[in-house]
Each structure stands twice: as C-alpha cells, then as structure tokens.
Amino acid sequence: MADKRSIRRDIKKLQRVKTWQLLILLILAGFLSATFLRLNNTGMVQRRNAVTAADKVGGAQQIAERIAELQRYSTAHMNASSGVIYLQHQYDRDAQAAIKAVSNTSSEGATANARAEAVCHPQYSGWSTAYMQCVLAELAKYPTSDKLAEPKLPNTELYRYEFISPLWSPDFAGFSLLLVGFLVFIIIVRLISMGILQILLRRHYRSI
C-alpha cells in the first residue's frame, strides 16, 4: 500500500509541469535559437561584403583589416563560416603591376606593352584573367632586341581566404541551443519516467 502511495505521489510531482507547457517552452527556445543563429550569419555576411568592397577599392592595409575582422568574427561565432573568398580585384592589380614591371624594362618593351593594351582593352572591361592572357599573347607577337622576361604572376592561393566557424560558441546562439537541448532532455526524461511509473502502478494493481 505504501508503494502504491509512493508511486502516485511521484506521478503527481511529474504532472505538476505539463508536457504541453514544456513543448511550448521548447518551441520558443527553438525560435530564439534560430533567430540568434541567423543574426550570427548576417554579421558574417556584412563583414564578408566589407572585404569585397575593400578589394574593389584597393589598399592593402584596408583589405587586411577587413579580412582580420571577418576572421575574428567567423572563428568566434557558430553558423558564421565565411565560405571561400577570392580577392580577384587585388590579384588583377598585382598581376597588372607584374606585367608592366617586365614590359617596361626597355623602351621596346614599353612600346609592345602599349600595343598589347590597345588591342586587348577594347575587348575586356577592366583587368581580368582573360585580359591578362590577351596581353601576354599580344606581347609574344612583338619580339624585341631585349628579350622580355616572363612575367611572374602572383600565386592565386595567396588571394584565397576561408574561415570556419566553431560547432558551438559562447554567445546568444550557443546558449539558446543549450537551452533547447536541455528542454528536449527534460521532456524525454519526463515521458520515460511517467511511462515507468505507470507500468509499476499497473503491476502493483495486478499483484493485489
């Protein structure tokens, strides 16, 4: 008899907090978690766009600062991986400088470079990989008495960046996810406990 009262008392304790109440809390916590995760991603996108803008404008220091800001943010917040970023404009500027440095080593080289640019510039809007290939092809058509050295183009890997966010971070998104996990755990434990107590109570009645 005492066992039956004890089981019923345990069931009543568990029933003080309803399962549907826990489910509502879980939904609210899930909504908050999704919101904070989205905010983390939005913050990353803003900083990635700042890198892209700095790349278009130019300026090694400004680009380095924007990249550092993106790196700090992405590596400190979950759901904020940057994806692959190419500094295409900076690469084009550096490649242009490398080609001009070689072609301007002599007056004949400068003339050949001017002719190559005159041919390729109308075909392409600004510097690009295709434009550089066109310039190099045109330069090859103008042999000079001073053999032009092969321009050493920059390594493309030096202009590629990618930052990976952690699986969990100690911010609003991270703590809200912990809350979601805690509520899920409580609901599962509650359902299992209720089931076990109901089984014990039925067995007790059968034994009477």
N, C-alpha and C. Protein backbone atom coordinates (compact mmCIF):
# COMPACT_ATOMS: atom_id res chain seq x y z
N MET A 1 0.83 -1.21 0.00
CA MET A 1 0.00 0.00 0.00
C MET A 1 0.86 1.26 0.00
N ALA A 2 1.94 1.18 0.79
CA ALA A 2 2.85 2.32 0.85
C ALA A 2 3.52 2.54 -0.50
N ASP A 3 3.84 1.41 -1.20
CA ASP A 3 4.47 1.53 -2.51
C ASP A 3 3.53 2.21 -3.49
N LYS A 4 2.24 1.88 -3.43
CA LYS A 4 1.27 2.47 -4.33
C LYS A 4 1.15 3.97 -4.08
N ARG A 5 1.11 4.36 -2.81
CA ARG A 5 1.03 5.80 -2.50
C ARG A 5 2.28 6.52 -2.96
N SER A 6 3.42 5.87 -2.81
CA SER A 6 4.69 6.49 -3.23
C SER A 6 4.71 6.69 -4.74
N ILE A 7 4.23 5.69 -5.48
CA ILE A 7 4.21 5.80 -6.94
C ILE A 7 3.26 6.91 -7.38
N ARG A 8 2.08 6.96 -6.75
CA ARG A 8 1.12 8.00 -7.11
C ARG A 8 1.66 9.39 -6.77
N ARG A 9 2.38 9.48 -5.66
CA ARG A 9 2.97 10.76 -5.28
C ARG A 9 4.01 11.21 -6.31
N ASP A 10 4.79 10.26 -6.80
CA ASP A 10 5.80 10.59 -7.82
C ASP A 10 5.13 11.03 -9.12
N ILE A 11 4.04 10.35 -9.46
CA ILE A 11 3.31 10.72 -10.68
C ILE A 11 2.75 12.13 -10.57
N LYS A 12 2.19 12.45 -9.40
CA LYS A 12 1.64 13.80 -9.20
C LYS A 12 2.72 14.86 -9.29
N LYS A 13 3.92 14.54 -8.79
CA LYS A 13 5.02 15.50 -8.87
C LYS A 13 5.38 15.78 -10.33
N LEU A 14 5.41 14.71 -11.12
CA LEU A 14 5.74 14.88 -12.54
C LEU A 14 4.64 15.63 -13.28
N GLN A 15 3.40 15.47 -12.82
CA GLN A 15 2.27 16.10 -13.50
C GLN A 15 2.10 17.58 -13.16
N ARG A 16 2.88 18.07 -12.21
CA ARG A 16 2.78 19.49 -11.86
C ARG A 16 3.15 20.38 -13.05
N VAL A 17 4.17 19.95 -13.78
CA VAL A 17 4.54 20.65 -15.01
C VAL A 17 4.05 19.81 -16.18
N LYS A 18 3.15 20.37 -16.97
CA LYS A 18 2.55 19.63 -18.07
C LYS A 18 3.53 19.51 -19.23
N THR A 19 3.38 18.41 -19.96
CA THR A 19 4.24 18.20 -21.13
C THR A 19 4.02 19.28 -22.17
N TRP A 20 2.78 19.70 -22.36
CA TRP A 20 2.50 20.73 -23.36
C TRP A 20 3.15 22.06 -22.99
N GLN A 21 3.29 22.31 -21.69
CA GLN A 21 3.98 23.53 -21.27
C GLN A 21 5.47 23.47 -21.66
N LEU A 22 6.06 22.30 -21.45
CA LEU A 22 7.45 22.13 -21.84
C LEU A 22 7.62 22.24 -23.35
N LEU A 23 6.64 21.73 -24.10
CA LEU A 23 6.71 21.82 -25.56
C LEU A 23 6.63 23.28 -26.03
N ILE A 24 5.80 24.07 -25.36
CA ILE A 24 5.71 25.49 -25.72
C ILE A 24 7.05 26.19 -25.45
N LEU A 25 7.64 25.88 -24.29
CA LEU A 25 8.96 26.44 -23.98
C LEU A 25 10.00 26.01 -25.01
N LEU A 26 9.90 24.76 -25.45
CA LEU A 26 10.84 24.25 -26.45
C LEU A 26 10.69 24.99 -27.77
N ILE A 27 9.45 25.24 -28.17
CA ILE A 27 9.21 25.97 -29.42
C ILE A 27 9.76 27.39 -29.33
N LEU A 28 9.52 28.05 -28.20
CA LEU A 28 10.03 29.41 -28.02
C LEU A 28 11.57 29.43 -28.02
N ALA A 29 12.16 28.46 -27.33
CA ALA A 29 13.62 28.38 -27.29
C ALA A 29 14.18 28.09 -28.68
N GLY A 30 13.49 27.24 -29.43
CA GLY A 30 13.93 26.94 -30.79
C GLY A 30 13.86 28.16 -31.69
N PHE A 31 12.80 28.96 -31.52
CA PHE A 31 12.67 30.19 -32.30
C PHE A 31 13.79 31.17 -31.97
N LEU A 32 14.08 31.32 -30.67
CA LEU A 32 15.17 32.21 -30.26
C LEU A 32 16.51 31.73 -30.81
N SER A 33 16.72 30.43 -30.74
CA SER A 33 17.98 29.87 -31.23
C SER A 33 18.14 30.11 -32.72
N ALA A 34 17.07 29.89 -33.49
CA ALA A 34 17.13 30.11 -34.93
C ALA A 34 17.39 31.58 -35.25
N THR A 35 16.79 32.47 -34.45
CA THR A 35 16.99 33.91 -34.66
C THR A 35 18.44 34.31 -34.41
N PHE A 36 19.00 33.83 -33.31
CA PHE A 36 20.39 34.17 -32.99
C PHE A 36 21.36 33.56 -34.00
N LEU A 37 21.07 32.36 -34.47
CA LEU A 37 21.93 31.75 -35.49
C LEU A 37 21.89 32.57 -36.78
N ARG A 38 20.71 33.05 -37.12
CA ARG A 38 20.58 33.87 -38.32
C ARG A 38 21.34 35.19 -38.15
N LEU A 39 21.27 35.77 -36.95
CA LEU A 39 22.00 37.01 -36.70
C LEU A 39 23.50 36.80 -36.81
N ASN A 40 23.98 35.65 -36.34
CA ASN A 40 25.40 35.34 -36.48
C ASN A 40 25.80 35.29 -37.95
N ASN A 41 24.96 34.65 -38.75
CA ASN A 41 25.26 34.54 -40.18
C ASN A 41 25.19 35.90 -40.86
N THR A 42 24.23 36.72 -40.44
CA THR A 42 24.11 38.06 -41.01
C THR A 42 25.34 38.90 -40.70
N GLY A 43 25.85 38.78 -39.48
CA GLY A 43 27.07 39.50 -39.12
C GLY A 43 28.25 39.08 -39.97
N MET A 44 28.33 37.78 -40.28
CA MET A 44 29.41 37.30 -41.15
C MET A 44 29.26 37.88 -42.55
N VAL A 45 28.04 37.87 -43.08
CA VAL A 45 27.80 38.38 -44.44
C VAL A 45 28.19 39.85 -44.53
N GLN A 46 27.87 40.63 -43.51
CA GLN A 46 28.24 42.05 -43.52
C GLN A 46 29.75 42.23 -43.58
N ARG A 47 30.47 41.44 -42.82
CA ARG A 47 31.93 41.56 -42.81
C ARG A 47 32.54 41.01 -44.10
N ARG A 48 31.92 39.98 -44.67
CA ARG A 48 32.41 39.46 -45.95
C ARG A 48 32.19 40.48 -47.06
N ASN A 49 31.05 41.16 -47.02
CA ASN A 49 30.80 42.21 -48.01
C ASN A 49 31.78 43.36 -47.85
N ALA A 50 32.19 43.63 -46.60
CA ALA A 50 33.19 44.68 -46.37
C ALA A 50 34.52 44.30 -47.00
N VAL A 51 34.87 43.01 -46.94
CA VAL A 51 36.10 42.54 -47.59
C VAL A 51 35.99 42.74 -49.10
N THR A 52 34.85 42.37 -49.67
CA THR A 52 34.65 42.52 -51.11
C THR A 52 34.74 43.98 -51.53
N ALA A 53 34.14 44.87 -50.73
CA ALA A 53 34.19 46.30 -51.05
C ALA A 53 35.61 46.83 -50.98
N ALA A 54 36.36 46.40 -49.96
CA ALA A 54 37.75 46.84 -49.82
C ALA A 54 38.59 46.32 -50.98
N ASP A 55 38.29 45.11 -51.43
CA ASP A 55 39.03 44.54 -52.56
C ASP A 55 38.81 45.36 -53.83
N LYS A 56 37.58 45.83 -54.03
CA LYS A 56 37.29 46.64 -55.22
C LYS A 56 38.00 47.99 -55.16
N VAL A 57 37.99 48.60 -53.98
CA VAL A 57 38.59 49.93 -53.83
C VAL A 57 40.11 49.85 -53.89
N GLY A 58 40.67 48.83 -53.27
CA GLY A 58 42.13 48.69 -53.23
C GLY A 58 42.68 49.22 -51.92
N GLY A 59 43.95 48.99 -51.71
CA GLY A 59 44.60 49.40 -50.47
C GLY A 59 44.88 48.17 -49.62
N ALA A 60 46.14 47.77 -49.58
CA ALA A 60 46.49 46.53 -48.90
C ALA A 60 46.14 46.56 -47.42
N GLN A 61 46.35 47.70 -46.77
CA GLN A 61 46.08 47.79 -45.33
C GLN A 61 44.59 47.66 -45.04
N GLN A 62 43.77 48.35 -45.83
CA GLN A 62 42.33 48.28 -45.62
C GLN A 62 41.81 46.86 -45.86
N ILE A 63 42.31 46.21 -46.89
CA ILE A 63 41.88 44.84 -47.17
C ILE A 63 42.29 43.92 -46.02
N ALA A 64 43.52 44.08 -45.53
CA ALA A 64 43.99 43.25 -44.43
C ALA A 64 43.15 43.45 -43.17
N GLU A 65 42.74 44.69 -42.91
CA GLU A 65 41.92 44.97 -41.73
C GLU A 65 40.55 44.31 -41.85
N ARG A 66 39.95 44.41 -43.04
CA ARG A 66 38.62 43.81 -43.24
C ARG A 66 38.70 42.28 -43.13
N ILE A 67 39.76 41.70 -43.67
CA ILE A 67 39.93 40.24 -43.58
C ILE A 67 40.12 39.82 -42.13
N ALA A 68 40.89 40.60 -41.37
CA ALA A 68 41.11 40.28 -39.96
C ALA A 68 39.79 40.34 -39.18
N GLU A 69 38.96 41.34 -39.48
CA GLU A 69 37.66 41.45 -38.81
C GLU A 69 36.78 40.24 -39.13
N LEU A 70 36.78 39.84 -40.40
CA LEU A 70 35.98 38.68 -40.80
C LEU A 70 36.50 37.42 -40.11
N GLN A 71 37.80 37.27 -40.05
CA GLN A 71 38.39 36.09 -39.41
C GLN A 71 38.01 36.02 -37.93
N ARG A 72 38.14 37.15 -37.23
CA ARG A 72 37.80 37.17 -35.80
C ARG A 72 36.34 36.81 -35.58
N TYR A 73 35.47 37.34 -36.42
CA TYR A 73 34.04 37.08 -36.24
C TYR A 73 33.69 35.63 -36.56
N SER A 74 34.17 35.14 -37.69
CA SER A 74 33.81 33.78 -38.12
C SER A 74 34.33 32.73 -37.16
N THR A 75 35.52 32.93 -36.63
CA THR A 75 36.10 31.93 -35.74
C THR A 75 35.58 32.03 -34.31
N ALA A 76 34.78 33.05 -34.02
CA ALA A 76 34.25 33.22 -32.67
C ALA A 76 32.76 32.99 -32.57
N HIS A 77 32.07 32.80 -33.71
CA HIS A 77 30.62 32.63 -33.69
C HIS A 77 30.23 31.41 -34.53
N MET A 78 29.31 30.62 -33.99
CA MET A 78 28.81 29.48 -34.74
C MET A 78 27.89 29.95 -35.87
N ASN A 79 27.77 29.12 -36.89
CA ASN A 79 26.97 29.44 -38.07
C ASN A 79 27.45 30.72 -38.75
N ALA A 80 28.76 30.90 -38.79
CA ALA A 80 29.32 32.12 -39.39
C ALA A 80 30.51 31.81 -40.29
N SER A 81 30.54 30.61 -40.87
CA SER A 81 31.62 30.28 -41.80
C SER A 81 31.55 31.21 -43.01
N SER A 82 32.70 31.68 -43.44
CA SER A 82 32.72 32.70 -44.49
C SER A 82 32.56 32.13 -45.89
N GLY A 83 32.85 30.84 -46.06
CA GLY A 83 32.92 30.33 -47.42
C GLY A 83 34.22 30.81 -48.07
N VAL A 84 34.43 30.42 -49.29
CA VAL A 84 35.67 30.80 -49.99
C VAL A 84 35.54 32.22 -50.53
N ILE A 85 36.56 33.02 -50.26
CA ILE A 85 36.60 34.41 -50.73
C ILE A 85 37.85 34.59 -51.58
N TYR A 86 37.69 35.13 -52.77
CA TYR A 86 38.82 35.44 -53.64
C TYR A 86 38.97 36.95 -53.76
N LEU A 87 40.17 37.43 -53.55
CA LEU A 87 40.46 38.85 -53.76
C LEU A 87 40.81 39.06 -55.23
N GLN A 88 39.79 38.95 -56.07
CA GLN A 88 40.02 38.98 -57.51
C GLN A 88 40.58 40.32 -57.97
N HIS A 89 40.04 41.41 -57.44
CA HIS A 89 40.50 42.73 -57.87
C HIS A 89 41.94 43.00 -57.45
N GLN A 90 42.29 42.59 -56.24
CA GLN A 90 43.66 42.78 -55.79
C GLN A 90 44.62 41.92 -56.61
N TYR A 91 44.19 40.72 -56.95
CA TYR A 91 45.03 39.86 -57.79
C TYR A 91 45.24 40.51 -59.15
N ASP A 92 44.17 41.04 -59.73
CA ASP A 92 44.30 41.69 -61.04
C ASP A 92 45.25 42.87 -60.98
N ARG A 93 45.16 43.64 -59.89
CA ARG A 93 46.07 44.80 -59.77
C ARG A 93 47.52 44.35 -59.65
N ASP A 94 47.75 43.32 -58.85
CA ASP A 94 49.13 42.84 -58.67
C ASP A 94 49.66 42.19 -59.94
N ALA A 95 48.79 41.47 -60.65
CA ALA A 95 49.20 40.86 -61.92
C ALA A 95 49.52 41.93 -62.95
N GLN A 96 48.71 42.98 -62.97
CA GLN A 96 48.95 44.09 -63.88
C GLN A 96 50.30 44.74 -63.59
N ALA A 97 50.59 44.93 -62.32
CA ALA A 97 51.88 45.53 -61.95
C ALA A 97 53.04 44.63 -62.36
N ALA A 98 52.86 43.31 -62.22
CA ALA A 98 53.93 42.38 -62.58
C ALA A 98 54.20 42.41 -64.08
N ILE A 99 53.14 42.48 -64.88
CA ILE A 99 53.30 42.52 -66.33
C ILE A 99 53.95 43.83 -66.76
N LYS A 100 53.50 44.93 -66.18
CA LYS A 100 54.08 46.22 -66.54
C LYS A 100 55.53 46.34 -66.12
N ALA A 101 55.85 45.74 -64.97
CA ALA A 101 57.23 45.80 -64.49
C ALA A 101 58.18 45.12 -65.46
N VAL A 102 57.71 44.04 -66.08
CA VAL A 102 58.55 43.32 -67.05
C VAL A 102 58.60 44.05 -68.38
N SER A 103 57.44 44.50 -68.86
CA SER A 103 57.38 45.11 -70.19
C SER A 103 58.01 46.49 -70.23
N ASN A 104 58.12 47.15 -69.09
CA ASN A 104 58.69 48.50 -69.05
C ASN A 104 60.19 48.52 -68.79
N THR A 105 60.82 47.35 -68.83
CA THR A 105 62.26 47.30 -68.59
C THR A 105 63.06 47.89 -69.74
N SER A 106 62.42 48.08 -70.88
CA SER A 106 63.09 48.71 -72.02
C SER A 106 62.08 49.53 -72.79
N SER A 107 62.57 50.42 -73.65
CA SER A 107 61.66 51.26 -74.43
C SER A 107 60.86 50.41 -75.42
N GLU A 108 61.52 49.38 -75.98
CA GLU A 108 60.82 48.50 -76.90
C GLU A 108 59.75 47.71 -76.17
N GLY A 109 60.08 47.30 -74.95
CA GLY A 109 59.09 46.57 -74.16
C GLY A 109 57.90 47.44 -73.82
N ALA A 110 58.16 48.71 -73.51
CA ALA A 110 57.07 49.63 -73.20
C ALA A 110 56.17 49.83 -74.41
N THR A 111 56.80 49.91 -75.60
CA THR A 111 56.01 50.06 -76.82
C THR A 111 55.14 48.83 -77.08
N ALA A 112 55.74 47.66 -76.87
CA ALA A 112 54.99 46.41 -77.06
C ALA A 112 53.83 46.33 -76.08
N ASN A 113 54.07 46.77 -74.85
CA ASN A 113 53.01 46.74 -73.84
C ASN A 113 51.87 47.68 -74.22
N ALA A 114 52.22 48.86 -74.73
CA ALA A 114 51.19 49.82 -75.14
C ALA A 114 50.36 49.26 -76.28
N ARG A 115 51.02 48.59 -77.23
CA ARG A 115 50.29 48.00 -78.35
C ARG A 115 49.37 46.87 -77.88
N ALA A 116 49.88 46.06 -76.96
CA ALA A 116 49.06 44.96 -76.44
C ALA A 116 47.83 45.49 -75.71
N GLU A 117 48.02 46.53 -74.92
CA GLU A 117 46.89 47.12 -74.21
C GLU A 117 45.88 47.73 -75.17
N ALA A 118 46.38 48.32 -76.26
CA ALA A 118 45.49 48.92 -77.25
C ALA A 118 44.62 47.87 -77.91
N VAL A 119 45.16 46.66 -78.07
CA VAL A 119 44.39 45.58 -78.70
C VAL A 119 43.40 44.97 -77.71
N CYS A 120 43.85 44.74 -76.48
CA CYS A 120 43.04 43.99 -75.52
C CYS A 120 42.03 44.85 -74.76
N HIS A 121 42.36 46.11 -74.56
CA HIS A 121 41.48 46.95 -73.74
C HIS A 121 40.06 47.06 -74.31
N PRO A 122 39.89 47.24 -75.63
CA PRO A 122 38.51 47.32 -76.15
C PRO A 122 37.73 46.02 -76.00
N GLN A 123 38.44 44.90 -75.86
CA GLN A 123 37.76 43.61 -75.80
C GLN A 123 37.28 43.25 -74.39
N TYR A 124 37.92 43.83 -73.37
CA TYR A 124 37.60 43.46 -71.99
C TYR A 124 37.41 44.72 -71.16
N SER A 125 36.46 44.67 -70.25
CA SER A 125 36.21 45.81 -69.37
C SER A 125 37.02 45.63 -68.09
N GLY A 126 38.16 46.29 -68.04
CA GLY A 126 39.00 46.20 -66.85
C GLY A 126 39.89 44.97 -66.87
N TRP A 127 40.69 44.87 -65.82
CA TRP A 127 41.63 43.76 -65.72
C TRP A 127 40.92 42.51 -65.25
N SER A 128 41.25 41.41 -65.91
CA SER A 128 40.71 40.11 -65.55
C SER A 128 41.70 39.06 -66.02
N THR A 129 41.43 37.81 -65.70
CA THR A 129 42.31 36.73 -66.14
C THR A 129 42.35 36.66 -67.66
N ALA A 130 41.19 36.82 -68.29
CA ALA A 130 41.14 36.79 -69.76
C ALA A 130 41.92 37.97 -70.35
N TYR A 131 41.83 39.13 -69.71
CA TYR A 131 42.55 40.30 -70.20
C TYR A 131 44.06 40.08 -70.11
N MET A 132 44.51 39.51 -69.00
CA MET A 132 45.95 39.26 -68.85
C MET A 132 46.44 38.26 -69.88
N GLN A 133 45.65 37.23 -70.15
CA GLN A 133 46.03 36.26 -71.16
C GLN A 133 46.13 36.91 -72.54
N CYS A 134 45.21 37.83 -72.81
CA CYS A 134 45.24 38.55 -74.08
C CYS A 134 46.51 39.40 -74.19
N VAL A 135 46.85 40.10 -73.11
CA VAL A 135 48.05 40.95 -73.12
C VAL A 135 49.30 40.11 -73.32
N LEU A 136 49.39 39.00 -72.62
CA LEU A 136 50.56 38.13 -72.77
C LEU A 136 50.67 37.58 -74.18
N ALA A 137 49.52 37.24 -74.76
CA ALA A 137 49.53 36.72 -76.14
C ALA A 137 49.98 37.80 -77.12
N GLU A 138 49.54 39.03 -76.90
CA GLU A 138 49.93 40.13 -77.78
C GLU A 138 51.40 40.48 -77.61
N LEU A 139 51.90 40.43 -76.39
CA LEU A 139 53.31 40.72 -76.16
C LEU A 139 54.21 39.72 -76.88
N ALA A 140 53.73 38.49 -76.98
CA ALA A 140 54.52 37.46 -77.65
C ALA A 140 54.65 37.74 -79.15
N LYS A 141 53.78 38.58 -79.70
CA LYS A 141 53.82 38.89 -81.13
C LYS A 141 54.86 39.96 -81.46
N TYR A 142 55.39 40.61 -80.42
CA TYR A 142 56.32 41.72 -80.65
C TYR A 142 57.68 41.39 -80.06
N PRO A 143 58.47 40.58 -80.76
CA PRO A 143 59.82 40.29 -80.26
C PRO A 143 60.67 41.55 -80.27
N THR A 144 61.44 41.73 -79.25
CA THR A 144 62.29 42.91 -79.13
C THR A 144 63.74 42.49 -79.08
N SER A 145 64.62 43.46 -79.30
CA SER A 145 66.05 43.16 -79.24
C SER A 145 66.44 42.75 -77.83
N ASP A 146 65.77 43.34 -76.83
CA ASP A 146 65.97 42.93 -75.44
C ASP A 146 64.87 41.94 -75.10
N LYS A 147 65.25 40.69 -74.98
CA LYS A 147 64.24 39.65 -74.73
C LYS A 147 63.54 39.92 -73.40
N LEU A 148 62.22 40.03 -73.47
CA LEU A 148 61.45 40.30 -72.27
C LEU A 148 61.39 39.07 -71.38
N ALA A 149 61.58 39.29 -70.10
CA ALA A 149 61.47 38.18 -69.16
C ALA A 149 60.01 37.78 -69.01
N GLU A 150 59.80 36.52 -68.71
CA GLU A 150 58.44 36.04 -68.49
C GLU A 150 57.90 36.65 -67.20
N PRO A 151 56.76 37.35 -67.27
CA PRO A 151 56.23 37.97 -66.04
C PRO A 151 55.85 36.91 -65.01
N LYS A 152 56.22 37.14 -63.78
CA LYS A 152 55.90 36.21 -62.70
C LYS A 152 54.60 36.65 -62.05
N LEU A 153 53.53 35.98 -62.43
CA LEU A 153 52.22 36.34 -61.90
C LEU A 153 52.08 35.86 -60.45
N PRO A 154 51.29 36.56 -59.66
CA PRO A 154 51.13 36.18 -58.24
C PRO A 154 50.50 34.80 -58.09
N ASN A 155 50.79 34.17 -56.98
CA ASN A 155 50.19 32.88 -56.65
C ASN A 155 48.72 33.10 -56.25
N THR A 156 47.81 32.48 -56.96
CA THR A 156 46.38 32.70 -56.71
C THR A 156 45.97 32.26 -55.31
N GLU A 157 46.68 31.29 -54.73
CA GLU A 157 46.32 30.80 -53.39
C GLU A 157 46.52 31.87 -52.32
N LEU A 158 47.38 32.84 -52.61
CA LEU A 158 47.61 33.92 -51.65
C LEU A 158 46.44 34.89 -51.59
N TYR A 159 45.52 34.77 -52.53
CA TYR A 159 44.37 35.67 -52.59
C TYR A 159 43.07 34.94 -52.25
N ARG A 160 43.22 33.76 -51.72
CA ARG A 160 42.06 32.93 -51.37
C ARG A 160 41.97 32.81 -49.85
N TYR A 161 40.77 33.06 -49.32
CA TYR A 161 40.57 33.01 -47.87
C TYR A 161 39.29 32.23 -47.56
N GLU A 162 39.32 31.52 -46.46
CA GLU A 162 38.14 30.80 -45.98
C GLU A 162 38.27 30.61 -44.47
N PHE A 163 37.24 31.01 -43.74
CA PHE A 163 37.26 30.90 -42.28
C PHE A 163 36.09 30.04 -41.83
N ILE A 164 36.38 29.07 -40.96
CA ILE A 164 35.39 28.11 -40.50
C ILE A 164 34.94 28.49 -39.09
N SER A 165 33.64 28.51 -38.88
CA SER A 165 33.11 28.83 -37.56
C SER A 165 33.10 27.58 -36.68
N PRO A 166 33.14 27.75 -35.36
CA PRO A 166 33.12 26.59 -34.45
C PRO A 166 31.74 25.93 -34.42
N LEU A 167 31.71 24.68 -33.99
CA LEU A 167 30.43 23.97 -33.86
C LEU A 167 29.56 24.59 -32.77
N TRP A 168 30.20 25.15 -31.75
CA TRP A 168 29.46 25.82 -30.68
C TRP A 168 30.27 27.01 -30.21
N SER A 169 29.58 28.08 -29.87
CA SER A 169 30.27 29.28 -29.40
C SER A 169 29.52 29.85 -28.20
N PRO A 170 30.24 30.45 -27.26
CA PRO A 170 29.61 31.01 -26.05
C PRO A 170 28.96 32.37 -26.31
N ASP A 171 27.93 32.37 -27.15
CA ASP A 171 27.18 33.59 -27.43
C ASP A 171 25.69 33.28 -27.29
N PHE A 172 24.84 34.22 -27.68
CA PHE A 172 23.40 34.01 -27.53
C PHE A 172 22.94 32.77 -28.30
N ALA A 173 23.48 32.58 -29.49
CA ALA A 173 23.08 31.42 -30.28
C ALA A 173 23.50 30.12 -29.58
N GLY A 174 24.71 30.10 -29.06
CA GLY A 174 25.20 28.90 -28.41
C GLY A 174 24.42 28.56 -27.15
N PHE A 175 24.16 29.56 -26.31
CA PHE A 175 23.43 29.30 -25.06
C PHE A 175 21.96 28.96 -25.32
N SER A 176 21.38 29.55 -26.35
CA SER A 176 20.00 29.20 -26.68
C SER A 176 19.91 27.77 -27.18
N LEU A 177 20.94 27.30 -27.89
CA LEU A 177 20.96 25.90 -28.31
C LEU A 177 21.08 24.97 -27.11
N LEU A 178 21.87 25.38 -26.12
CA LEU A 178 21.97 24.57 -24.90
C LEU A 178 20.61 24.48 -24.21
N LEU A 179 19.88 25.59 -24.21
CA LEU A 179 18.54 25.59 -23.61
C LEU A 179 17.61 24.63 -24.35
N VAL A 180 17.70 24.64 -25.68
CA VAL A 180 16.88 23.71 -26.47
C VAL A 180 17.23 22.27 -26.12
N GLY A 181 18.52 21.98 -26.06
CA GLY A 181 18.94 20.63 -25.71
C GLY A 181 18.49 20.22 -24.32
N PHE A 182 18.55 21.16 -23.37
CA PHE A 182 18.12 20.87 -22.00
C PHE A 182 16.62 20.56 -21.95
N LEU A 183 15.83 21.36 -22.67
CA LEU A 183 14.38 21.12 -22.67
C LEU A 183 14.04 19.79 -23.33
N VAL A 184 14.73 19.46 -24.40
CA VAL A 184 14.50 18.16 -25.05
C VAL A 184 14.83 17.03 -24.08
N PHE A 185 15.93 17.19 -23.36
CA PHE A 185 16.32 16.17 -22.38
C PHE A 185 15.27 16.02 -21.29
N ILE A 186 14.77 17.15 -20.77
CA ILE A 186 13.76 17.12 -19.71
C ILE A 186 12.48 16.43 -20.19
N ILE A 187 12.06 16.76 -21.42
CA ILE A 187 10.83 16.17 -21.95
C ILE A 187 10.99 14.66 -22.10
N ILE A 188 12.14 14.23 -22.63
CA ILE A 188 12.36 12.79 -22.81
C ILE A 188 12.39 12.07 -21.46
N VAL A 189 13.12 12.65 -20.50
CA VAL A 189 13.19 12.03 -19.16
C VAL A 189 11.81 11.98 -18.52
N ARG A 190 11.03 13.04 -18.70
CA ARG A 190 9.68 13.09 -18.13
C ARG A 190 8.80 11.99 -18.72
N LEU A 191 8.83 11.86 -20.04
CA LEU A 191 8.00 10.84 -20.69
C LEU A 191 8.41 9.43 -20.26
N ILE A 192 9.72 9.20 -20.20
CA ILE A 192 10.21 7.88 -19.77
C ILE A 192 9.81 7.60 -18.33
N SER A 193 9.98 8.61 -17.47
CA SER A 193 9.64 8.43 -16.05
C SER A 193 8.15 8.16 -15.86
N MET A 194 7.32 8.92 -16.59
CA MET A 194 5.87 8.71 -16.49
C MET A 194 5.50 7.31 -16.95
N GLY A 195 6.14 6.86 -18.03
CA GLY A 195 5.85 5.52 -18.53
C GLY A 195 6.24 4.45 -17.54
N ILE A 196 7.42 4.60 -16.94
CA ILE A 196 7.88 3.60 -15.97
C ILE A 196 6.97 3.56 -14.74
N LEU A 197 6.58 4.73 -14.24
CA LEU A 197 5.71 4.79 -13.06
C LEU A 197 4.34 4.19 -13.36
N GLN A 198 3.82 4.44 -14.55
CA GLN A 198 2.53 3.86 -14.92
C GLN A 198 2.62 2.34 -14.98
N ILE A 199 3.72 1.83 -15.51
CA ILE A 199 3.90 0.37 -15.58
C ILE A 199 3.99 -0.22 -14.17
N LEU A 200 4.75 0.45 -13.29
CA LEU A 200 4.88 -0.04 -11.92
C LEU A 200 3.53 -0.03 -11.20
N LEU A 201 2.74 1.02 -11.45
CA LEU A 201 1.43 1.11 -10.80
C LEU A 201 0.50 0.01 -11.29
N ARG A 202 0.52 -0.29 -12.58
CA ARG A 202 -0.32 -1.37 -13.12
C ARG A 202 0.09 -2.72 -12.55
N ARG A 203 1.39 -2.94 -12.46
CA ARG A 203 1.86 -4.21 -11.89
C ARG A 203 1.45 -4.35 -10.43
N HIS A 204 1.46 -3.21 -9.73
CA HIS A 204 1.07 -3.26 -8.32
C HIS A 204 -0.40 -3.66 -8.18
N TYR A 205 -1.27 -3.10 -9.05
CA TYR A 205 -2.68 -3.46 -9.00
C TYR A 205 -2.90 -4.93 -9.35
N ARG A 206 -2.12 -5.44 -10.30
CA ARG A 206 -2.28 -6.83 -10.70
C ARG A 206 -1.87 -7.79 -9.58
N SER A 207 -0.91 -7.34 -8.77
CA SER A 207 -0.43 -8.21 -7.70
C SER A 207 -1.36 -8.25 -6.50
N ILE A 208 -2.33 -7.34 -6.48
CA ILE A 208 -3.26 -7.30 -5.34
C ILE A 208 -4.32 -8.40 -5.49
